[in-house]
């Protein structure tokens, strides 16, 4: 199974639902992280290096949006959400389309997580046969969590 994790920030792949992603990886599934942004422009080089190393250590594939989507509180949120929708549409098309999408809830309170969650929701809603979407939340609660994976000594 191909799993596509949508990461609003470089670090969300290891903050949002890392044990679940690692359990999927350990079960032999291909996990790819799609990093949408790199934070503030002055941090791009450092954040790019961090997400590359984090994904290598975790055994995840990595795809990055180029140029990174600007999702800070002062950026144009409509433009960010539209770029996110476009990037997700591209990731969901073609022979390497994922069998499972993971990413933030559209109600996660953090603006970039919500933008990303709404973009995922919108893109999947347009598809005749969308893959399942497993949501995570950091800043807000999920009303009905469906999957809980804990860290063990190996992870």
Protein backbone atom coordinates (compact mmCIF):
# COMPACT_ATOMS: atom_id res chain seq x y z
CA UNK A 1 0.00 0.00 0.00
CA UNK A 2 1.19 3.52 -0.79
CA UNK A 3 0.66 6.04 2.02
CA UNK A 4 0.87 9.78 1.37
CA UNK A 5 1.34 11.96 4.44
CA UNK A 6 0.60 15.65 3.89
CA UNK A 7 2.80 17.83 6.08
CA UNK A 8 1.96 21.54 6.46
CA UNK A 9 5.37 22.13 8.10
CA UNK A 10 8.66 20.27 8.09
CA UNK A 11 8.30 18.35 11.37
CA UNK A 12 4.63 17.43 11.15
CA UNK A 13 5.55 14.01 9.75
CA UNK A 14 7.11 13.30 13.16
CA UNK A 15 4.66 15.30 15.28
CA UNK A 16 1.21 14.66 13.75
CA UNK A 17 0.96 10.85 13.70
CA UNK A 18 4.51 9.49 13.71
CA UNK A 19 3.81 6.16 15.44
CA UNK A 20 1.04 5.39 12.95
CA UNK A 21 3.30 6.23 10.01
CA UNK A 22 6.10 4.12 11.49
CA UNK A 23 3.71 1.21 12.11
CA UNK A 24 2.60 1.38 8.48
CA UNK A 25 6.26 1.51 7.38
CA UNK A 26 7.08 -1.45 9.65
CA UNK A 27 4.22 -3.43 8.09
CA UNK A 28 5.90 -3.00 4.70
CA UNK A 29 3.87 -0.11 3.32
CA UNK A 30 5.52 2.69 1.35
CA UNK A 31 5.23 5.97 3.26
CA UNK A 32 5.92 9.27 1.49
CA UNK A 33 5.80 12.66 3.17
CA UNK A 34 4.67 15.63 1.08
CA UNK A 35 6.19 18.75 2.72
CA UNK A 36 4.13 21.75 1.66
CA UNK A 37 6.02 24.58 3.37
CA UNK A 38 9.38 25.36 4.92
CA UNK A 39 8.38 28.09 7.33
CA UNK A 40 9.78 31.59 7.06
CA UNK A 41 11.92 32.26 3.95
CA UNK A 42 15.03 32.93 6.04
CA UNK A 43 14.68 29.41 7.53
CA UNK A 44 14.14 27.50 4.26
CA UNK A 45 17.66 26.07 3.92
CA UNK A 46 17.76 24.83 7.51
CA UNK A 47 14.19 23.48 7.45
CA UNK A 48 14.79 21.74 4.10
CA UNK A 49 17.85 19.97 5.54
CA UNK A 50 15.86 19.02 8.67
CA UNK A 51 12.96 17.45 6.79
CA UNK A 52 15.31 15.57 4.46
CA UNK A 53 17.21 14.11 7.41
CA UNK A 54 14.03 13.38 9.40
CA UNK A 55 12.47 11.44 6.53
CA UNK A 56 15.70 9.53 5.89
CA UNK A 57 15.94 8.54 9.56
CA UNK A 58 12.25 7.55 9.67
CA UNK A 59 12.46 5.57 6.43
CA UNK A 60 9.88 7.73 4.64
CA UNK A 61 10.04 8.96 1.09
CA UNK A 62 9.94 12.72 0.65
CA UNK A 63 8.38 15.06 -1.88
CA UNK A 64 8.66 18.81 -1.41
CA UNK A 65 6.60 21.61 -2.89
CA UNK A 66 8.83 23.92 -4.91
CA UNK A 67 8.69 26.71 -4.23
CA UNK A 68 7.41 26.05 -0.72
CA UNK A 69 3.89 27.24 0.00
CA UNK A 70 3.83 30.39 2.16
CA UNK A 71 1.47 29.60 5.05
CA UNK A 72 2.46 31.98 7.84
CA UNK A 73 -0.22 33.93 9.67
CA UNK A 74 0.56 37.01 7.55
CA UNK A 75 0.51 35.25 4.14
CA UNK A 76 -2.45 35.11 1.77
CA UNK A 77 -4.39 32.13 3.12
CA UNK A 78 -6.59 31.81 0.04
CA UNK A 79 -3.55 31.57 -2.21
CA UNK A 80 -1.91 29.07 0.15
CA UNK A 81 -4.99 26.86 0.18
CA UNK A 82 -5.30 26.97 -3.61
CA UNK A 83 -1.63 26.02 -4.06
CA UNK A 84 -2.16 23.23 -1.54
CA UNK A 85 -5.15 21.95 -3.52
CA UNK A 86 -3.13 22.02 -6.75
CA UNK A 87 -0.18 20.21 -5.15
CA UNK A 88 -2.44 17.54 -3.66
CA UNK A 89 -4.26 17.04 -6.96
CA UNK A 90 -0.90 16.42 -8.61
CA UNK A 91 0.11 13.95 -5.88
CA UNK A 92 -3.17 12.01 -6.17
CA UNK A 93 -3.02 11.60 -9.95
CA UNK A 94 -1.06 9.06 -11.93
CA UNK A 95 0.36 5.62 -11.44
CA UNK A 96 1.80 6.40 -7.99
CA UNK A 97 -1.52 7.57 -6.54
CA UNK A 98 -1.72 6.75 -2.82
CA UNK A 99 -3.98 4.11 -1.33
CA UNK A 100 -4.20 6.08 1.94
CA UNK A 101 -3.83 9.79 2.71
CA UNK A 102 -2.84 11.07 6.14
CA UNK A 103 -2.79 14.67 7.26
CA UNK A 104 -4.16 17.26 9.63
CA UNK A 105 -7.80 17.76 10.46
CA UNK A 106 -9.43 20.83 8.91
CA UNK A 107 -10.34 21.78 12.51
CA UNK A 108 -6.87 21.60 14.11
CA UNK A 109 -6.92 25.27 15.21
CA UNK A 110 -3.43 26.08 13.81
CA UNK A 111 -4.00 28.09 10.62
CA UNK A 112 -1.55 26.13 8.43
CA UNK A 113 -2.91 22.79 9.65
CA UNK A 114 -6.47 23.94 8.93
CA UNK A 115 -5.52 25.22 5.45
CA UNK A 116 -3.91 21.88 4.69
CA UNK A 117 -6.81 19.89 6.12
CA UNK A 118 -9.32 21.89 4.08
CA UNK A 119 -7.22 21.42 0.93
CA UNK A 120 -7.13 17.64 1.53
CA UNK A 121 -10.90 17.59 2.15
CA UNK A 122 -11.62 19.61 -1.02
CA UNK A 123 -9.38 17.54 -3.29
CA UNK A 124 -10.67 14.20 -2.00
CA UNK A 125 -14.30 15.38 -2.26
CA UNK A 126 -13.84 16.00 -6.01
CA UNK A 127 -12.74 12.44 -6.69
CA UNK A 128 -15.11 9.67 -7.73
CA UNK A 129 -13.22 7.07 -5.68
CA UNK A 130 -10.97 8.86 -3.18
CA UNK A 131 -8.52 6.99 -0.99
CA UNK A 132 -9.27 6.91 2.75
CA UNK A 133 -8.06 9.92 4.76
CA UNK A 134 -6.73 9.42 8.26
CA UNK A 135 -6.63 12.71 10.16
CA UNK A 136 -4.45 13.81 13.03
CA UNK A 137 -4.75 16.81 15.31
CA UNK A 138 -2.14 18.58 17.42
CA UNK A 139 -3.73 21.89 18.43
CA UNK A 140 -7.36 20.76 18.45
CA UNK A 141 -9.23 17.60 19.34
CA UNK A 142 -10.49 14.99 16.94
CA UNK A 143 -14.11 14.34 17.89
CA UNK A 144 -13.91 10.63 17.04
CA UNK A 145 -10.33 9.28 16.86
CA UNK A 146 -10.30 6.06 14.86
CA UNK A 147 -6.69 4.93 15.03
CA UNK A 148 -4.35 5.18 17.98
CA UNK A 149 -0.82 3.82 17.73
CA UNK A 150 1.58 4.17 20.62
CA UNK A 151 5.33 4.40 20.51
CA UNK A 152 7.19 1.27 21.55
CA UNK A 153 10.88 0.83 22.36
CA UNK A 154 11.78 0.23 18.70
CA UNK A 155 10.09 3.43 17.52
